[in-house]
Amino acid sequence: MEAKAIARHVRVTPRKARRMVDLIRGKKATEAVTILKFAPQAAALPVRKTLESAIANARVKADKAGEPFRENDLVVKETYVDEGVTLKRFRARAQGRAARINKRTSHITIVVAEKA
Protein backbone atom coordinates (compact mmCIF):
# COMPACT_ATOMS: atom_id res chain seq x y z
CA MET A 1 0.00 0.00 0.00
CA GLU A 2 1.23 3.47 -0.82
CA ALA A 3 -0.07 6.97 -0.17
CA LYS A 4 0.74 10.27 -1.78
CA ALA A 5 0.67 13.96 -0.82
CA ILE A 6 1.19 16.98 -3.05
CA ALA A 7 1.77 20.55 -1.88
CA ARG A 8 1.24 22.97 -4.74
CA HIS A 9 2.31 26.61 -5.13
CA VAL A 10 4.62 26.54 -2.11
CA ARG A 11 6.54 29.83 -1.85
CA VAL A 12 10.02 28.33 -1.79
CA THR A 13 12.33 27.98 -4.76
CA PRO A 14 12.51 24.49 -6.26
CA ARG A 15 16.29 24.40 -5.88
CA LYS A 16 16.08 24.95 -2.12
CA ALA A 17 13.22 22.47 -1.73
CA ARG A 18 15.16 19.80 -3.66
CA ARG A 19 17.96 20.03 -1.08
CA MET A 20 15.52 18.96 1.62
CA VAL A 21 13.81 16.30 -0.48
CA ASP A 22 17.17 14.70 -1.30
CA LEU A 23 17.86 14.30 2.44
CA ILE A 24 14.80 12.09 3.05
CA ARG A 25 14.52 10.01 -0.13
CA GLY A 26 14.57 6.29 0.71
CA LYS A 27 14.53 6.76 4.49
CA LYS A 28 11.94 5.55 7.01
CA ALA A 29 9.06 8.02 7.27
CA THR A 30 9.44 8.57 11.02
CA GLU A 31 13.19 9.12 10.63
CA ALA A 32 12.58 11.55 7.75
CA VAL A 33 10.18 13.64 9.87
CA THR A 34 12.83 13.87 12.59
CA ILE A 35 15.51 14.93 10.09
CA LEU A 36 13.28 17.67 8.69
CA LYS A 37 12.22 18.83 12.16
CA PHE A 38 15.82 19.67 13.07
CA ALA A 39 17.00 20.92 9.66
CA PRO A 40 17.81 24.65 9.90
CA GLN A 41 16.67 25.47 6.34
CA ALA A 42 13.34 27.25 5.86
CA ALA A 43 12.36 24.84 3.07
CA ALA A 44 12.28 21.98 5.59
CA LEU A 45 8.91 23.12 7.02
CA PRO A 46 6.75 22.75 3.87
CA VAL A 47 8.50 19.47 3.00
CA ARG A 48 7.86 18.15 6.53
CA LYS A 49 4.20 19.16 6.39
CA THR A 50 3.80 17.38 3.05
CA LEU A 51 5.47 14.25 4.45
CA GLU A 52 3.20 14.28 7.51
CA SER A 53 0.21 14.64 5.19
CA ALA A 54 1.35 11.60 3.17
CA ILE A 55 1.66 9.59 6.40
CA ALA A 56 -1.87 10.67 7.43
CA ASN A 57 -3.16 9.70 3.97
CA ALA A 58 -1.63 6.24 4.43
CA ARG A 59 -3.37 5.93 7.82
CA VAL A 60 -6.75 6.83 6.28
CA LYS A 61 -6.18 4.41 3.40
CA ALA A 62 -5.37 1.58 5.83
CA ASP A 63 -8.47 2.34 7.91
CA LYS A 64 -10.71 2.24 4.83
CA ALA A 65 -9.21 -1.07 3.72
CA GLY A 66 -9.48 -2.50 7.24
CA GLU A 67 -5.76 -3.23 7.40
CA PRO A 68 -3.57 -2.65 10.45
CA PHE A 69 -1.50 0.53 10.21
CA ARG A 70 2.10 0.63 11.39
CA GLU A 71 3.77 3.98 10.92
CA ASN A 72 7.23 2.50 11.57
CA ASP A 73 6.91 0.33 8.44
CA LEU A 74 6.45 3.29 6.09
CA VAL A 75 9.32 4.31 3.82
CA VAL A 76 9.66 7.44 1.68
CA LYS A 77 9.41 5.71 -1.68
CA GLU A 78 9.39 8.67 -4.03
CA THR A 79 9.95 12.40 -3.61
CA TYR A 80 10.39 15.15 -6.13
CA VAL A 81 9.96 18.89 -6.53
CA ASP A 82 8.60 20.46 -9.70
CA GLU A 83 8.66 24.13 -10.58
CA GLY A 84 5.40 26.01 -10.07
CA VAL A 85 4.31 29.38 -11.41
CA THR A 86 6.73 32.29 -11.07
CA LEU A 87 5.43 35.55 -9.66
CA LYS A 88 7.04 38.45 -11.51
CA ARG A 89 7.71 41.62 -9.55
CA PHE A 90 9.59 44.81 -10.45
CA ARG A 91 11.96 46.95 -8.41
CA ALA A 92 12.89 50.52 -9.28
CA ARG A 93 16.51 50.99 -10.31
CA ALA A 94 18.72 53.94 -11.24
CA GLN A 95 17.89 56.33 -14.10
CA GLY A 96 14.23 55.34 -14.36
CA ARG A 97 14.88 51.69 -15.12
CA ALA A 98 13.21 48.67 -13.57
CA ALA A 99 14.68 45.29 -12.66
CA ARG A 100 12.60 42.12 -12.57
CA ILE A 101 12.42 39.97 -9.46
CA ASN A 102 11.24 36.39 -9.87
CA LYS A 103 9.43 34.90 -6.88
CA ARG A 104 9.48 31.19 -7.63
CA THR A 105 7.07 28.54 -6.35
CA SER A 106 7.30 24.76 -6.06
CA HIS A 107 5.08 21.71 -6.29
CA ILE A 108 6.30 19.15 -3.71
CA THR A 109 5.26 15.51 -4.17
CA ILE A 110 5.95 12.77 -1.62
CA VAL A 111 4.94 9.08 -1.88
CA VAL A 112 5.21 6.78 1.14
CA ALA A 113 4.82 3.01 0.98
CA GLU A 114 5.26 0.00 3.23
CA LYS A 115 8.55 -1.85 3.11
CA ALA A 116 8.60 -4.58 0.48
C-alpha atoms as a PDB file:
ATOM      1  CA  MET A   1       0.000   0.000   0.000  1.00  0.00           C
ATOM      2  CA  GLU A   2       1.229   3.465  -0.822  1.00  0.00           C
ATOM      3  CA  ALA A   3      -0.068   6.966  -0.174  1.00  0.00           C
ATOM      4  CA  LYS A   4       0.744  10.275  -1.777  1.00  0.00           C
ATOM      5  CA  ALA A   5       0.666  13.956  -0.820  1.00  0.00           C
ATOM      6  CA  ILE A   6       1.188  16.980  -3.052  1.00  0.00           C
ATOM      7  CA  ALA A   7       1.774  20.548  -1.885  1.00  0.00           C
ATOM      8  CA  ARG A   8       1.243  22.969  -4.744  1.00  0.00           C
ATOM      9  CA  HIS A   9       2.305  26.613  -5.129  1.00  0.00           C
ATOM     10  CA  VAL A  10       4.624  26.537  -2.107  1.00  0.00           C
ATOM     11  CA  ARG A  11       6.535  29.832  -1.854  1.00  0.00           C
ATOM     12  CA  VAL A  12      10.019  28.333  -1.789  1.00  0.00           C
ATOM     13  CA  THR A  13      12.335  27.984  -4.759  1.00  0.00           C
ATOM     14  CA  PRO A  14      12.508  24.486  -6.258  1.00  0.00           C
ATOM     15  CA  ARG A  15      16.292  24.399  -5.880  1.00  0.00           C
ATOM     16  CA  LYS A  16      16.079  24.954  -2.119  1.00  0.00           C
ATOM     17  CA  ALA A  17      13.221  22.469  -1.726  1.00  0.00           C
ATOM     18  CA  ARG A  18      15.163  19.797  -3.665  1.00  0.00           C
ATOM     19  CA  ARG A  19      17.965  20.028  -1.080  1.00  0.00           C
ATOM     20  CA  MET A  20      15.517  18.961   1.621  1.00  0.00           C
ATOM     21  CA  VAL A  21      13.814  16.302  -0.483  1.00  0.00           C
ATOM     22  CA  ASP A  22      17.171  14.700  -1.305  1.00  0.00           C
ATOM     23  CA  LEU A  23      17.858  14.296   2.440  1.00  0.00           C
ATOM     24  CA  ILE A  24      14.805  12.092   3.051  1.00  0.00           C
ATOM     25  CA  ARG A  25      14.522  10.014  -0.129  1.00  0.00           C
ATOM     26  CA  GLY A  26      14.574   6.289   0.711  1.00  0.00           C
ATOM     27  CA  LYS A  27      14.528   6.758   4.488  1.00  0.00           C
ATOM     28  CA  LYS A  28      11.937   5.554   7.009  1.00  0.00           C
ATOM     29  CA  ALA A  29       9.060   8.018   7.265  1.00  0.00           C
ATOM     30  CA  THR A  30       9.444   8.569  11.020  1.00  0.00           C
ATOM     31  CA  GLU A  31      13.187   9.121  10.627  1.00  0.00           C
ATOM     32  CA  ALA A  32      12.581  11.553   7.750  1.00  0.00           C
ATOM     33  CA  VAL A  33      10.178  13.636   9.872  1.00  0.00           C
ATOM     34  CA  THR A  34      12.831  13.869  12.590  1.00  0.00           C
ATOM     35  CA  ILE A  35      15.510  14.926  10.091  1.00  0.00           C
ATOM     36  CA  LEU A  36      13.278  17.666   8.691  1.00  0.00           C
ATOM     37  CA  LYS A  37      12.222  18.831  12.160  1.00  0.00           C
ATOM     38  CA  PHE A  38      15.823  19.668  13.068  1.00  0.00           C
ATOM     39  CA  ALA A  39      17.001  20.921   9.664  1.00  0.00           C
ATOM     40  CA  PRO A  40      17.806  24.646   9.896  1.00  0.00           C
ATOM     41  CA  GLN A  41      16.666  25.467   6.340  1.00  0.00           C
ATOM     42  CA  ALA A  42      13.338  27.254   5.858  1.00  0.00           C
ATOM     43  CA  ALA A  43      12.363  24.840   3.069  1.00  0.00           C
ATOM     44  CA  ALA A  44      12.278  21.984   5.593  1.00  0.00           C
ATOM     45  CA  LEU A  45       8.913  23.116   7.018  1.00  0.00           C
ATOM     46  CA  PRO A  46       6.748  22.748   3.872  1.00  0.00           C
ATOM     47  CA  VAL A  47       8.503  19.473   3.000  1.00  0.00           C
ATOM     48  CA  ARG A  48       7.864  18.146   6.525  1.00  0.00           C
ATOM     49  CA  LYS A  49       4.197  19.160   6.385  1.00  0.00           C
ATOM     50  CA  THR A  50       3.798  17.378   3.050  1.00  0.00           C
ATOM     51  CA  LEU A  51       5.472  14.247   4.453  1.00  0.00           C
ATOM     52  CA  GLU A  52       3.202  14.279   7.511  1.00  0.00           C
ATOM     53  CA  SER A  53       0.210  14.642   5.191  1.00  0.00           C
ATOM     54  CA  ALA A  54       1.355  11.597   3.173  1.00  0.00           C
ATOM     55  CA  ILE A  55       1.656   9.585   6.400  1.00  0.00           C
ATOM     56  CA  ALA A  56      -1.865  10.671   7.434  1.00  0.00           C
ATOM     57  CA  ASN A  57      -3.160   9.703   3.971  1.00  0.00           C
ATOM     58  CA  ALA A  58      -1.631   6.241   4.430  1.00  0.00           C
ATOM     59  CA  ARG A  59      -3.369   5.932   7.816  1.00  0.00           C
ATOM     60  CA  VAL A  60      -6.755   6.828   6.276  1.00  0.00           C
ATOM     61  CA  LYS A  61      -6.181   4.413   3.395  1.00  0.00           C
ATOM     62  CA  ALA A  62      -5.368   1.582   5.829  1.00  0.00           C
ATOM     63  CA  ASP A  63      -8.472   2.340   7.914  1.00  0.00           C
ATOM     64  CA  LYS A  64     -10.709   2.242   4.828  1.00  0.00           C
ATOM     65  CA  ALA A  65      -9.208  -1.070   3.720  1.00  0.00           C
ATOM     66  CA  GLY A  66      -9.477  -2.504   7.240  1.00  0.00           C
ATOM     67  CA  GLU A  67      -5.756  -3.226   7.404  1.00  0.00           C
ATOM     68  CA  PRO A  68      -3.566  -2.650  10.454  1.00  0.00           C
ATOM     69  CA  PHE A  69      -1.503   0.533  10.210  1.00  0.00           C
ATOM     70  CA  ARG A  70       2.104   0.629  11.395  1.00  0.00           C
ATOM     71  CA  GLU A  71       3.767   3.979  10.923  1.00  0.00           C
ATOM     72  CA  ASN A  72       7.226   2.498  11.567  1.00  0.00           C
ATOM     73  CA  ASP A  73       6.911   0.326   8.439  1.00  0.00           C
ATOM     74  CA  LEU A  74       6.446   3.293   6.095  1.00  0.00           C
ATOM     75  CA  VAL A  75       9.317   4.310   3.822  1.00  0.00           C
ATOM     76  CA  VAL A  76       9.662   7.439   1.680  1.00  0.00           C
ATOM     77  CA  LYS A  77       9.413   5.706  -1.681  1.00  0.00           C
ATOM     78  CA  GLU A  78       9.391   8.671  -4.033  1.00  0.00           C
ATOM     79  CA  THR A  79       9.948  12.404  -3.607  1.00  0.00           C
ATOM     80  CA  TYR A  80      10.393  15.149  -6.133  1.00  0.00           C
ATOM     81  CA  VAL A  81       9.962  18.890  -6.533  1.00  0.00           C
ATOM     82  CA  ASP A  82       8.600  20.465  -9.702  1.00  0.00           C
ATOM     83  CA  GLU A  83       8.665  24.130 -10.584  1.00  0.00           C
ATOM     84  CA  GLY A  84       5.401  26.009 -10.073  1.00  0.00           C
ATOM     85  CA  VAL A  85       4.309  29.383 -11.406  1.00  0.00           C
ATOM     86  CA  THR A  86       6.729  32.285 -11.069  1.00  0.00           C
ATOM     87  CA  LEU A  87       5.433  35.552  -9.664  1.00  0.00           C
ATOM     88  CA  LYS A  88       7.038  38.454 -11.514  1.00  0.00           C
ATOM     89  CA  ARG A  89       7.713  41.618  -9.552  1.00  0.00           C
ATOM     90  CA  PHE A  90       9.588  44.806 -10.445  1.00  0.00           C
ATOM     91  CA  ARG A  91      11.961  46.946  -8.412  1.00  0.00           C
ATOM     92  CA  ALA A  92      12.894  50.516  -9.277  1.00  0.00           C
ATOM     93  CA  ARG A  93      16.508  50.986 -10.311  1.00  0.00           C
ATOM     94  CA  ALA A  94      18.719  53.937 -11.245  1.00  0.00           C
ATOM     95  CA  GLN A  95      17.893  56.327 -14.101  1.00  0.00           C
ATOM     96  CA  GLY A  96      14.226  55.340 -14.364  1.00  0.00           C
ATOM     97  CA  ARG A  97      14.883  51.693 -15.119  1.00  0.00           C
ATOM     98  CA  ALA A  98      13.211  48.670 -13.573  1.00  0.00           C
ATOM     99  CA  ALA A  99      14.683  45.290 -12.664  1.00  0.00           C
ATOM    100  CA  ARG A 100      12.602  42.124 -12.573  1.00  0.00           C
ATOM    101  CA  ILE A 101      12.415  39.974  -9.456  1.00  0.00           C
ATOM    102  CA  ASN A 102      11.238  36.392  -9.867  1.00  0.00           C
ATOM    103  CA  LYS A 103       9.430  34.897  -6.883  1.00  0.00           C
ATOM    104  CA  ARG A 104       9.480  31.186  -7.629  1.00  0.00           C
ATOM    105  CA  THR A 105       7.068  28.543  -6.349  1.00  0.00           C
ATOM    106  CA  SER A 106       7.299  24.763  -6.056  1.00  0.00           C
ATOM    107  CA  HIS A 107       5.081  21.705  -6.286  1.00  0.00           C
ATOM    108  CA  ILE A 108       6.298  19.148  -3.712  1.00  0.00           C
ATOM    109  CA  THR A 109       5.260  15.507  -4.175  1.00  0.00           C
ATOM    110  CA  ILE A 110       5.945  12.769  -1.617  1.00  0.00           C
ATOM    111  CA  VAL A 111       4.940   9.085  -1.882  1.00  0.00           C
ATOM    112  CA  VAL A 112       5.207   6.777   1.136  1.00  0.00           C
ATOM    113  CA  ALA A 113       4.825   3.008   0.984  1.00  0.00           C
ATOM    114  CA  GLU A 114       5.260  -0.005   3.231  1.00  0.00           C
ATOM    115  CA  LYS A 115       8.553  -1.854   3.110  1.00  0.00           C
ATOM    116  CA  ALA A 116       8.599  -4.580   0.480  1.00  0.00           C
END
